[in-house]
Amino acid sequence: AIGFAWSFDRYIINWELMFKKLLRYKNQYGDCLVPFNYSNDKALGYWVHRQKRIYKDIQTGRKGPITMKRFKMLDSIGFAWESFSRNRKISLNSSKRKTAF
């Protein structure tokens, strides 16, 4: 191999990178309630939102790109699968978070 990562490999690497960012966020704030417009890392906010959307799609019978292993990884760190709107009140009450709602 000459160091070229196929697109599927990049997807796996990106997912793992975002998971590590989520772990850092959880260590800092004590939860996984990353706001969609998280100003410190907008990509993380979007990624968390996307994971919830994929989960919702799976719950309604649609196929999604999340594997059982990834589902378990997120679940093991207390990932909040419910809609972000339910969690928004919690996020707004945290003075540590920098958000742009």
N, C-alpha and C. Protein backbone atom coordinates (compact mmCIF):
# COMPACT_ATOMS: atom_id res chain seq x y z
N ALA A 1 0.84 -1.18 0.00
CA ALA A 1 0.00 0.00 0.00
C ALA A 1 0.88 1.24 0.00
N ILE A 2 0.41 2.25 -0.71
CA ILE A 2 1.19 3.48 -0.82
C ILE A 2 0.64 4.59 0.07
N GLY A 3 -0.20 4.24 1.02
CA GLY A 3 -0.73 5.23 1.94
C GLY A 3 -2.04 5.86 1.49
N PHE A 4 -2.62 5.37 0.40
CA PHE A 4 -3.89 5.91 -0.06
C PHE A 4 -5.03 5.27 0.71
N ALA A 5 -5.88 6.07 1.32
CA ALA A 5 -7.02 5.56 2.08
C ALA A 5 -8.25 5.59 1.19
N TRP A 6 -8.88 4.45 0.99
CA TRP A 6 -10.12 4.41 0.23
C TRP A 6 -11.20 5.15 1.00
N SER A 7 -12.24 5.57 0.32
CA SER A 7 -13.28 6.37 0.96
C SER A 7 -13.90 5.64 2.15
N PHE A 8 -14.09 4.32 2.07
CA PHE A 8 -14.64 3.57 3.19
C PHE A 8 -13.71 3.64 4.39
N ASP A 9 -12.41 3.53 4.15
CA ASP A 9 -11.44 3.64 5.23
C ASP A 9 -11.50 5.02 5.87
N ARG A 10 -11.67 6.06 5.07
CA ARG A 10 -11.77 7.42 5.60
C ARG A 10 -13.01 7.56 6.47
N TYR A 11 -14.10 6.92 6.06
CA TYR A 11 -15.33 6.96 6.85
C TYR A 11 -15.09 6.33 8.22
N ILE A 12 -14.43 5.19 8.24
CA ILE A 12 -14.13 4.51 9.52
C ILE A 12 -13.22 5.37 10.38
N ILE A 13 -12.17 5.91 9.79
CA ILE A 13 -11.23 6.74 10.52
C ILE A 13 -11.94 7.99 11.05
N ASN A 14 -12.77 8.60 10.23
CA ASN A 14 -13.49 9.80 10.65
C ASN A 14 -14.43 9.47 11.81
N TRP A 15 -15.15 8.35 11.74
CA TRP A 15 -16.07 7.99 12.82
C TRP A 15 -15.29 7.81 14.13
N GLU A 16 -14.18 7.13 14.06
CA GLU A 16 -13.37 6.90 15.25
C GLU A 16 -12.80 8.21 15.80
N LEU A 17 -12.40 9.11 14.92
CA LEU A 17 -11.90 10.42 15.35
C LEU A 17 -13.00 11.20 16.05
N MET A 18 -14.21 11.20 15.49
CA MET A 18 -15.32 11.92 16.10
C MET A 18 -15.71 11.29 17.44
N PHE A 19 -15.64 9.98 17.52
CA PHE A 19 -15.94 9.32 18.79
C PHE A 19 -14.94 9.76 19.87
N LYS A 20 -13.67 9.86 19.50
CA LYS A 20 -12.66 10.32 20.45
C LYS A 20 -12.93 11.76 20.87
N LYS A 21 -13.37 12.60 19.93
CA LYS A 21 -13.72 13.97 20.28
C LYS A 21 -14.90 13.99 21.24
N LEU A 22 -15.86 13.11 21.00
CA LEU A 22 -17.01 13.02 21.90
C LEU A 22 -16.56 12.60 23.30
N LEU A 23 -15.64 11.67 23.39
CA LEU A 23 -15.11 11.27 24.70
C LEU A 23 -14.44 12.44 25.41
N ARG A 24 -13.68 13.24 24.69
CA ARG A 24 -13.06 14.43 25.29
C ARG A 24 -14.12 15.41 25.78
N TYR A 25 -15.17 15.58 24.97
CA TYR A 25 -16.27 16.46 25.35
C TYR A 25 -16.91 15.95 26.65
N LYS A 26 -17.17 14.65 26.70
CA LYS A 26 -17.79 14.07 27.88
C LYS A 26 -16.90 14.25 29.11
N ASN A 27 -15.60 14.06 28.95
CA ASN A 27 -14.67 14.25 30.06
C ASN A 27 -14.70 15.69 30.57
N GLN A 28 -14.90 16.64 29.65
CA GLN A 28 -14.91 18.04 30.03
C GLN A 28 -16.25 18.46 30.65
N TYR A 29 -17.37 18.01 30.05
CA TYR A 29 -18.68 18.49 30.47
C TYR A 29 -19.51 17.47 31.25
N GLY A 30 -19.10 16.22 31.27
CA GLY A 30 -19.81 15.21 32.04
C GLY A 30 -20.99 14.56 31.36
N ASP A 31 -21.21 14.89 30.10
CA ASP A 31 -22.31 14.28 29.34
C ASP A 31 -21.97 14.28 27.85
N CYS A 32 -22.88 13.72 27.06
CA CYS A 32 -22.68 13.66 25.60
C CYS A 32 -23.68 14.56 24.88
N LEU A 33 -24.16 15.59 25.54
CA LEU A 33 -25.18 16.48 24.99
C LEU A 33 -24.55 17.61 24.19
N VAL A 34 -23.88 17.28 23.13
CA VAL A 34 -23.20 18.27 22.30
C VAL A 34 -24.25 19.04 21.50
N PRO A 35 -24.30 20.35 21.66
CA PRO A 35 -25.27 21.13 20.87
C PRO A 35 -24.95 21.04 19.38
N PHE A 36 -25.98 21.09 18.55
CA PHE A 36 -25.79 21.01 17.11
C PHE A 36 -24.83 22.10 16.62
N ASN A 37 -24.98 23.31 17.14
CA ASN A 37 -24.12 24.43 16.75
C ASN A 37 -23.04 24.70 17.80
N TYR A 38 -22.41 23.65 18.26
CA TYR A 38 -21.36 23.76 19.27
C TYR A 38 -20.21 24.59 18.69
N SER A 39 -20.02 25.78 19.20
CA SER A 39 -19.07 26.71 18.58
C SER A 39 -17.62 26.27 18.67
N ASN A 40 -17.27 25.45 19.67
CA ASN A 40 -15.89 24.98 19.78
C ASN A 40 -15.54 23.92 18.74
N ASP A 41 -16.54 23.22 18.23
CA ASP A 41 -16.30 22.17 17.24
C ASP A 41 -17.61 21.85 16.52
N LYS A 42 -17.91 22.63 15.49
CA LYS A 42 -19.17 22.46 14.77
C LYS A 42 -19.29 21.09 14.12
N ALA A 43 -18.17 20.51 13.72
CA ALA A 43 -18.19 19.18 13.11
C ALA A 43 -18.66 18.14 14.14
N LEU A 44 -18.25 18.30 15.39
CA LEU A 44 -18.68 17.38 16.44
C LEU A 44 -20.18 17.52 16.67
N GLY A 45 -20.67 18.73 16.73
CA GLY A 45 -22.10 18.95 16.90
C GLY A 45 -22.91 18.31 15.79
N TYR A 46 -22.45 18.47 14.55
CA TYR A 46 -23.14 17.86 13.42
C TYR A 46 -23.07 16.33 13.50
N TRP A 47 -21.92 15.81 13.85
CA TRP A 47 -21.73 14.36 13.92
C TRP A 47 -22.66 13.73 14.96
N VAL A 48 -22.76 14.35 16.13
CA VAL A 48 -23.64 13.85 17.17
C VAL A 48 -25.09 13.86 16.67
N HIS A 49 -25.47 14.96 16.04
CA HIS A 49 -26.82 15.07 15.47
C HIS A 49 -27.06 13.96 14.44
N ARG A 50 -26.07 13.70 13.63
CA ARG A 50 -26.18 12.66 12.59
C ARG A 50 -26.34 11.27 13.20
N GLN A 51 -25.61 10.99 14.27
CA GLN A 51 -25.74 9.68 14.92
C GLN A 51 -27.15 9.49 15.44
N LYS A 52 -27.73 10.54 16.01
CA LYS A 52 -29.10 10.46 16.52
C LYS A 52 -30.09 10.25 15.37
N ARG A 53 -29.83 10.92 14.26
CA ARG A 53 -30.71 10.79 13.09
C ARG A 53 -30.65 9.37 12.54
N ILE A 54 -29.46 8.83 12.44
CA ILE A 54 -29.29 7.45 11.95
C ILE A 54 -30.02 6.48 12.87
N TYR A 55 -29.88 6.69 14.17
CA TYR A 55 -30.55 5.83 15.15
C TYR A 55 -32.07 5.91 14.98
N LYS A 56 -32.58 7.12 14.81
CA LYS A 56 -34.02 7.30 14.62
C LYS A 56 -34.48 6.59 13.35
N ASP A 57 -33.71 6.69 12.29
CA ASP A 57 -34.04 6.01 11.04
C ASP A 57 -34.11 4.50 11.25
N ILE A 58 -33.16 3.96 11.97
CA ILE A 58 -33.14 2.52 12.24
C ILE A 58 -34.37 2.12 13.07
N GLN A 59 -34.74 2.95 14.03
CA GLN A 59 -35.89 2.66 14.87
C GLN A 59 -37.20 2.64 14.07
N THR A 60 -37.22 3.37 12.96
CA THR A 60 -38.42 3.41 12.13
C THR A 60 -38.34 2.43 10.96
N GLY A 61 -37.36 1.54 11.00
CA GLY A 61 -37.27 0.50 9.98
C GLY A 61 -36.39 0.80 8.80
N ARG A 62 -35.79 1.95 8.75
CA ARG A 62 -34.87 2.28 7.65
C ARG A 62 -33.49 1.74 7.97
N LYS A 63 -32.72 1.56 6.93
CA LYS A 63 -31.35 1.10 7.12
C LYS A 63 -30.46 2.30 7.40
N GLY A 64 -29.43 2.06 8.21
CA GLY A 64 -28.49 3.12 8.53
C GLY A 64 -27.08 2.60 8.55
N PRO A 65 -26.10 3.50 8.41
CA PRO A 65 -24.69 3.06 8.34
C PRO A 65 -24.04 2.77 9.69
N ILE A 66 -24.80 2.79 10.78
CA ILE A 66 -24.18 2.54 12.08
C ILE A 66 -24.17 1.03 12.35
N THR A 67 -23.04 0.55 12.81
CA THR A 67 -22.92 -0.88 13.13
C THR A 67 -23.31 -1.11 14.58
N MET A 68 -23.58 -2.35 14.92
CA MET A 68 -23.91 -2.69 16.30
C MET A 68 -22.75 -2.34 17.22
N LYS A 69 -21.52 -2.54 16.75
CA LYS A 69 -20.35 -2.21 17.56
C LYS A 69 -20.34 -0.72 17.89
N ARG A 70 -20.60 0.11 16.91
CA ARG A 70 -20.61 1.56 17.14
C ARG A 70 -21.77 1.97 18.04
N PHE A 71 -22.91 1.35 17.82
CA PHE A 71 -24.06 1.62 18.68
C PHE A 71 -23.69 1.33 20.13
N LYS A 72 -23.06 0.19 20.36
CA LYS A 72 -22.67 -0.20 21.72
C LYS A 72 -21.61 0.74 22.28
N MET A 73 -20.69 1.20 21.43
CA MET A 73 -19.66 2.13 21.88
C MET A 73 -20.30 3.43 22.38
N LEU A 74 -21.23 3.96 21.58
CA LEU A 74 -21.91 5.19 21.97
C LEU A 74 -22.76 4.97 23.22
N ASP A 75 -23.47 3.87 23.24
CA ASP A 75 -24.32 3.56 24.37
C ASP A 75 -23.51 3.42 25.66
N SER A 76 -22.32 2.85 25.57
CA SER A 76 -21.50 2.60 26.75
C SER A 76 -20.99 3.88 27.41
N ILE A 77 -20.98 4.99 26.69
CA ILE A 77 -20.52 6.26 27.28
C ILE A 77 -21.68 7.17 27.65
N GLY A 78 -22.90 6.64 27.57
CA GLY A 78 -24.06 7.43 27.97
C GLY A 78 -24.58 8.36 26.89
N PHE A 79 -24.40 7.98 25.64
CA PHE A 79 -24.89 8.79 24.53
C PHE A 79 -26.40 8.96 24.65
N ALA A 80 -26.88 10.18 24.51
CA ALA A 80 -28.31 10.48 24.61
C ALA A 80 -28.94 10.32 23.23
N TRP A 81 -29.66 9.23 23.03
CA TRP A 81 -30.23 8.93 21.71
C TRP A 81 -31.48 9.74 21.39
N GLU A 82 -32.17 10.23 22.40
CA GLU A 82 -33.41 10.95 22.12
C GLU A 82 -33.13 12.26 21.41
N SER A 83 -34.19 12.83 20.91
CA SER A 83 -34.09 14.06 20.13
C SER A 83 -33.36 15.14 20.90
N PHE A 84 -32.55 15.89 20.20
CA PHE A 84 -31.78 16.94 20.86
C PHE A 84 -32.68 18.00 21.47
N SER A 85 -33.86 18.21 20.91
CA SER A 85 -34.73 19.25 21.45
C SER A 85 -35.09 18.97 22.91
N ARG A 86 -35.18 17.68 23.30
CA ARG A 86 -35.44 17.35 24.71
C ARG A 86 -34.23 17.68 25.56
N ASN A 87 -33.05 17.61 24.99
CA ASN A 87 -31.82 17.85 25.74
C ASN A 87 -31.41 19.32 25.71
N ARG A 88 -32.03 20.10 24.86
CA ARG A 88 -31.62 21.48 24.68
C ARG A 88 -31.71 22.27 25.98
N LYS A 89 -32.77 22.05 26.76
CA LYS A 89 -32.91 22.77 28.02
C LYS A 89 -31.74 22.49 28.95
N ILE A 90 -31.28 21.26 28.97
CA ILE A 90 -30.13 20.89 29.79
C ILE A 90 -28.89 21.64 29.30
N SER A 91 -28.71 21.67 27.96
CA SER A 91 -27.54 22.34 27.39
C SER A 91 -27.56 23.83 27.68
N LEU A 92 -28.73 24.43 27.59
CA LEU A 92 -28.82 25.86 27.82
C LEU A 92 -28.51 26.25 29.26
N ASN A 93 -28.71 25.32 30.18
CA ASN A 93 -28.45 25.60 31.58
C ASN A 93 -26.98 25.48 31.96
N SER A 94 -26.17 24.96 31.09
CA SER A 94 -24.76 24.78 31.41
C SER A 94 -23.98 26.02 31.04
N SER A 95 -23.36 26.65 32.01
CA SER A 95 -22.58 27.86 31.74
C SER A 95 -21.23 27.54 31.11
N LYS A 96 -20.81 26.28 31.14
CA LYS A 96 -19.52 25.90 30.58
C LYS A 96 -19.55 25.83 29.06
N ARG A 97 -20.70 25.50 28.51
CA ARG A 97 -20.79 25.27 27.07
C ARG A 97 -20.88 26.59 26.32
N LYS A 98 -20.22 26.62 25.18
CA LYS A 98 -20.35 27.76 24.28
C LYS A 98 -21.23 27.30 23.14
N THR A 99 -22.43 27.84 23.07
CA THR A 99 -23.37 27.41 22.05
C THR A 99 -23.83 28.61 21.24
N ALA A 100 -24.37 28.31 20.09
CA ALA A 100 -24.94 29.35 19.23
C ALA A 100 -26.27 28.84 18.70
N PHE A 101 -27.29 28.93 19.52
CA PHE A 101 -28.61 28.42 19.11
C PHE A 101 -29.28 29.41 18.21
